[in-house]
Amino acid sequence: MKNDYLCPFCKGHLKVKNSVIFSARKPNGERGILLLSPELGNYSVRKHRTFKLEDGVKTDLYCPICHANLMAQNYNNNLARIISIDEYGEENIILISEIVGERCTYVIHGKQVDRFGDDEPNYFGAGTEF
């Protein structure tokens, strides 16, 4: 996939090689770096072995460049928002779950939404338009 991924605040590039990079903070304040796959529907995560993540726990995602909180407040507080730009220059909103182990991703383009992952019904019902 040739998409670029950007912070919606500083427009800094979040993708390096085969990873989208986030700074993360757990509810106890512990911080770490997460490397996620840029492939939509691929939920592999790389991190330091000491940064333990627990399924079902909300872990806030931040831009590693400007440190902005990526919470998608206009959509749902359990989702993070970034921007993708495809090989044709089209810009879309990407929403990903901040709940560890929850597999759902949404691509909003125009008034339509594409859904990925087993948990995608958790936030937007079928036929949801924006």
C-alpha atoms as a PDB file:
ATOM      1  CA  MET A   1       0.000   0.000   0.000  1.00  0.00           C
ATOM      2  CA  LYS A   2       1.460   3.325  -1.060  1.00  0.00           C
ATOM      3  CA  ASN A   3      -0.576   5.576   1.241  1.00  0.00           C
ATOM      4  CA  ASP A   4       1.053   8.246   3.329  1.00  0.00           C
ATOM      5  CA  TYR A   5      -0.283   8.810   6.843  1.00  0.00           C
ATOM      6  CA  LEU A   6      -0.262  12.257   8.414  1.00  0.00           C
ATOM      7  CA  CYS A   7      -1.010  13.865  11.749  1.00  0.00           C
ATOM      8  CA  PRO A   8      -4.215  15.937  11.370  1.00  0.00           C
ATOM      9  CA  PHE A   9      -2.664  18.723  13.472  1.00  0.00           C
ATOM     10  CA  CYS A  10       0.920  19.254  12.276  1.00  0.00           C
ATOM     11  CA  LYS A  11       0.606  17.329   8.964  1.00  0.00           C
ATOM     12  CA  GLY A  12       3.820  15.493   9.863  1.00  0.00           C
ATOM     13  CA  HIS A  13       4.406  12.125   8.213  1.00  0.00           C
ATOM     14  CA  LEU A  14       3.682   9.196  10.564  1.00  0.00           C
ATOM     15  CA  LYS A  15       4.709   6.393   8.199  1.00  0.00           C
ATOM     16  CA  VAL A  16       8.312   5.253   8.089  1.00  0.00           C
ATOM     17  CA  LYS A  17       9.082   2.253   5.882  1.00  0.00           C
ATOM     18  CA  ASN A  18       6.463  -0.372   6.804  1.00  0.00           C
ATOM     19  CA  SER A  19       5.126   1.168  10.019  1.00  0.00           C
ATOM     20  CA  VAL A  20       2.829   3.946  11.149  1.00  0.00           C
ATOM     21  CA  ILE A  21       4.389   5.370  14.308  1.00  0.00           C
ATOM     22  CA  PHE A  22       2.497   6.609  17.364  1.00  0.00           C
ATOM     23  CA  SER A  23       3.397   7.721  20.831  1.00  0.00           C
ATOM     24  CA  ALA A  24       1.090   6.004  23.338  1.00  0.00           C
ATOM     25  CA  ARG A  25       0.050   6.583  26.939  1.00  0.00           C
ATOM     26  CA  LYS A  26      -1.630   3.991  29.121  1.00  0.00           C
ATOM     27  CA  PRO A  27      -4.140   4.982  31.845  1.00  0.00           C
ATOM     28  CA  ASN A  28      -1.407   4.630  34.494  1.00  0.00           C
ATOM     29  CA  GLY A  29       0.653   7.294  32.669  1.00  0.00           C
ATOM     30  CA  GLU A  30       3.240   4.900  31.255  1.00  0.00           C
ATOM     31  CA  ARG A  31       4.350   5.917  27.761  1.00  0.00           C
ATOM     32  CA  GLY A  32       5.751   4.029  24.812  1.00  0.00           C
ATOM     33  CA  ILE A  33       6.111   3.944  21.040  1.00  0.00           C
ATOM     34  CA  LEU A  34       3.806   1.786  18.904  1.00  0.00           C
ATOM     35  CA  LEU A  35       4.513   0.710  15.333  1.00  0.00           C
ATOM     36  CA  LEU A  36       1.355  -0.316  13.484  1.00  0.00           C
ATOM     37  CA  SER A  37       0.991  -1.832  10.052  1.00  0.00           C
ATOM     38  CA  PRO A  38      -0.027   0.662   7.339  1.00  0.00           C
ATOM     39  CA  GLU A  39      -2.125  -2.080   5.720  1.00  0.00           C
ATOM     40  CA  LEU A  40      -5.814  -1.559   6.502  1.00  0.00           C
ATOM     41  CA  GLY A  41      -7.170  -4.590   8.354  1.00  0.00           C
ATOM     42  CA  ASN A  42      -3.719  -5.720   9.526  1.00  0.00           C
ATOM     43  CA  TYR A  43      -3.653  -5.287  13.313  1.00  0.00           C
ATOM     44  CA  SER A  44      -0.052  -6.232  14.017  1.00  0.00           C
ATOM     45  CA  VAL A  45       1.661  -4.016  16.595  1.00  0.00           C
ATOM     46  CA  ARG A  46       5.356  -3.708  17.386  1.00  0.00           C
ATOM     47  CA  LYS A  47       6.563  -2.142  20.614  1.00  0.00           C
ATOM     48  CA  HIS A  48       9.260  -2.447  23.236  1.00  0.00           C
ATOM     49  CA  ARG A  49       8.906  -5.662  25.245  1.00  0.00           C
ATOM     50  CA  THR A  50       8.570  -3.733  28.511  1.00  0.00           C
ATOM     51  CA  PHE A  51       5.616  -1.658  27.278  1.00  0.00           C
ATOM     52  CA  LYS A  52       2.873  -4.144  28.151  1.00  0.00           C
ATOM     53  CA  LEU A  53      -0.593  -3.659  26.660  1.00  0.00           C
ATOM     54  CA  GLU A  54      -3.722  -5.197  28.159  1.00  0.00           C
ATOM     55  CA  ASP A  55      -6.730  -6.129  25.997  1.00  0.00           C
ATOM     56  CA  GLY A  56      -9.766  -3.955  26.603  1.00  0.00           C
ATOM     57  CA  VAL A  57      -7.798  -1.020  28.027  1.00  0.00           C
ATOM     58  CA  LYS A  58      -7.944   2.358  26.249  1.00  0.00           C
ATOM     59  CA  THR A  59      -4.450   3.538  25.343  1.00  0.00           C
ATOM     60  CA  ASP A  60      -4.295   7.121  24.105  1.00  0.00           C
ATOM     61  CA  LEU A  61      -2.451   7.698  20.835  1.00  0.00           C
ATOM     62  CA  TYR A  62      -0.410  10.833  20.132  1.00  0.00           C
ATOM     63  CA  CYS A  63       1.514  12.258  17.231  1.00  0.00           C
ATOM     64  CA  PRO A  64       5.205  11.469  17.834  1.00  0.00           C
ATOM     65  CA  ILE A  65       6.126  14.756  16.123  1.00  0.00           C
ATOM     66  CA  CYS A  66       3.889  17.461  17.666  1.00  0.00           C
ATOM     67  CA  HIS A  67       2.564  15.340  20.575  1.00  0.00           C
ATOM     68  CA  ALA A  68      -1.087  16.206  19.801  1.00  0.00           C
ATOM     69  CA  ASN A  69      -3.685  13.839  21.218  1.00  0.00           C
ATOM     70  CA  LEU A  70      -5.188  12.042  18.205  1.00  0.00           C
ATOM     71  CA  MET A  71      -8.538  11.271  19.885  1.00  0.00           C
ATOM     72  CA  ALA A  72     -11.318  11.568  17.294  1.00  0.00           C
ATOM     73  CA  GLN A  73     -13.610  13.723  19.457  1.00  0.00           C
ATOM     74  CA  ASN A  74     -15.993  14.514  16.593  1.00  0.00           C
ATOM     75  CA  TYR A  75     -16.591  10.795  16.011  1.00  0.00           C
ATOM     76  CA  ASN A  76     -15.983   8.768  19.188  1.00  0.00           C
ATOM     77  CA  ASN A  77     -13.604   9.174  22.148  1.00  0.00           C
ATOM     78  CA  ASN A  78     -12.403   5.555  21.763  1.00  0.00           C
ATOM     79  CA  LEU A  79     -11.071   6.250  18.276  1.00  0.00           C
ATOM     80  CA  ALA A  80      -7.946   8.031  17.054  1.00  0.00           C
ATOM     81  CA  ARG A  81      -7.955  10.095  13.870  1.00  0.00           C
ATOM     82  CA  ILE A  82      -5.199  10.441  11.281  1.00  0.00           C
ATOM     83  CA  ILE A  83      -5.132  11.417   7.608  1.00  0.00           C
ATOM     84  CA  SER A  84      -4.218   9.180   4.690  1.00  0.00           C
ATOM     85  CA  ILE A  85      -3.181  10.357   1.265  1.00  0.00           C
ATOM     86  CA  ASP A  86      -3.337   7.738  -1.462  1.00  0.00           C
ATOM     87  CA  GLU A  87      -1.176   7.437  -4.570  1.00  0.00           C
ATOM     88  CA  TYR A  88      -3.633   9.696  -6.460  1.00  0.00           C
ATOM     89  CA  GLY A  89      -3.342  12.476  -3.858  1.00  0.00           C
ATOM     90  CA  GLU A  90      -6.817  11.852  -2.404  1.00  0.00           C
ATOM     91  CA  GLU A  91      -7.066  12.702   1.282  1.00  0.00           C
ATOM     92  CA  ASN A  92      -9.185  10.565   3.621  1.00  0.00           C
ATOM     93  CA  ILE A  93      -9.793  10.388   7.353  1.00  0.00           C
ATOM     94  CA  ILE A  94      -8.680   7.175   9.059  1.00  0.00           C
ATOM     95  CA  LEU A  95     -10.181   6.240  12.431  1.00  0.00           C
ATOM     96  CA  ILE A  96      -8.604   3.462  14.504  1.00  0.00           C
ATOM     97  CA  SER A  97      -9.588   2.055  17.857  1.00  0.00           C
ATOM     98  CA  GLU A  98      -7.574   3.069  20.910  1.00  0.00           C
ATOM     99  CA  ILE A  99      -8.942   0.057  22.817  1.00  0.00           C
ATOM    100  CA  VAL A 100      -6.188  -2.560  22.970  1.00  0.00           C
ATOM    101  CA  GLY A 101      -7.223  -5.726  21.135  1.00  0.00           C
ATOM    102  CA  GLU A 102     -10.213  -4.117  19.427  1.00  0.00           C
ATOM    103  CA  ARG A 103      -9.875  -4.634  15.691  1.00  0.00           C
ATOM    104  CA  CYS A 104     -11.669  -1.875  13.839  1.00  0.00           C
ATOM    105  CA  THR A 105     -10.583   0.721  11.329  1.00  0.00           C
ATOM    106  CA  TYR A 106     -12.689   3.168   9.338  1.00  0.00           C
ATOM    107  CA  VAL A 107     -11.800   5.120   6.219  1.00  0.00           C
ATOM    108  CA  ILE A 108     -14.016   8.149   5.696  1.00  0.00           C
ATOM    109  CA  HIS A 109     -14.056   9.588   2.222  1.00  0.00           C
ATOM    110  CA  GLY A 110     -16.701  12.117   1.509  1.00  0.00           C
ATOM    111  CA  LYS A 111     -19.937  10.964   3.119  1.00  0.00           C
ATOM    112  CA  GLN A 112     -19.087   7.271   2.913  1.00  0.00           C
ATOM    113  CA  VAL A 113     -17.160   5.007   5.248  1.00  0.00           C
ATOM    114  CA  ASP A 114     -15.233   1.795   4.544  1.00  0.00           C
ATOM    115  CA  ARG A 115     -14.962  -0.579   7.517  1.00  0.00           C
ATOM    116  CA  PHE A 116     -12.247  -3.058   8.422  1.00  0.00           C
ATOM    117  CA  GLY A 117     -11.802  -5.588  11.218  1.00  0.00           C
ATOM    118  CA  ASP A 118     -13.908  -7.993  13.253  1.00  0.00           C
ATOM    119  CA  ASP A 119     -15.010  -5.261  15.676  1.00  0.00           C
ATOM    120  CA  GLU A 120     -16.023  -2.695  13.053  1.00  0.00           C
ATOM    121  CA  PRO A 121     -19.748  -2.790  14.041  1.00  0.00           C
ATOM    122  CA  ASN A 122     -18.802  -1.391  17.482  1.00  0.00           C
ATOM    123  CA  TYR A 123     -18.958   2.265  16.401  1.00  0.00           C
ATOM    124  CA  PHE A 124     -20.800   2.899  13.154  1.00  0.00           C
ATOM    125  CA  GLY A 125     -23.750   0.867  11.954  1.00  0.00           C
ATOM    126  CA  ALA A 126     -24.173  -0.302   8.387  1.00  0.00           C
ATOM    127  CA  GLY A 127     -25.204   2.519   6.117  1.00  0.00           C
ATOM    128  CA  THR A 128     -23.673   5.239   8.305  1.00  0.00           C
ATOM    129  CA  GLU A 129     -22.838   8.325   6.284  1.00  0.00           C
ATOM    130  CA  PHE A 130     -20.898  11.419   7.320  1.00  0.00           C
END
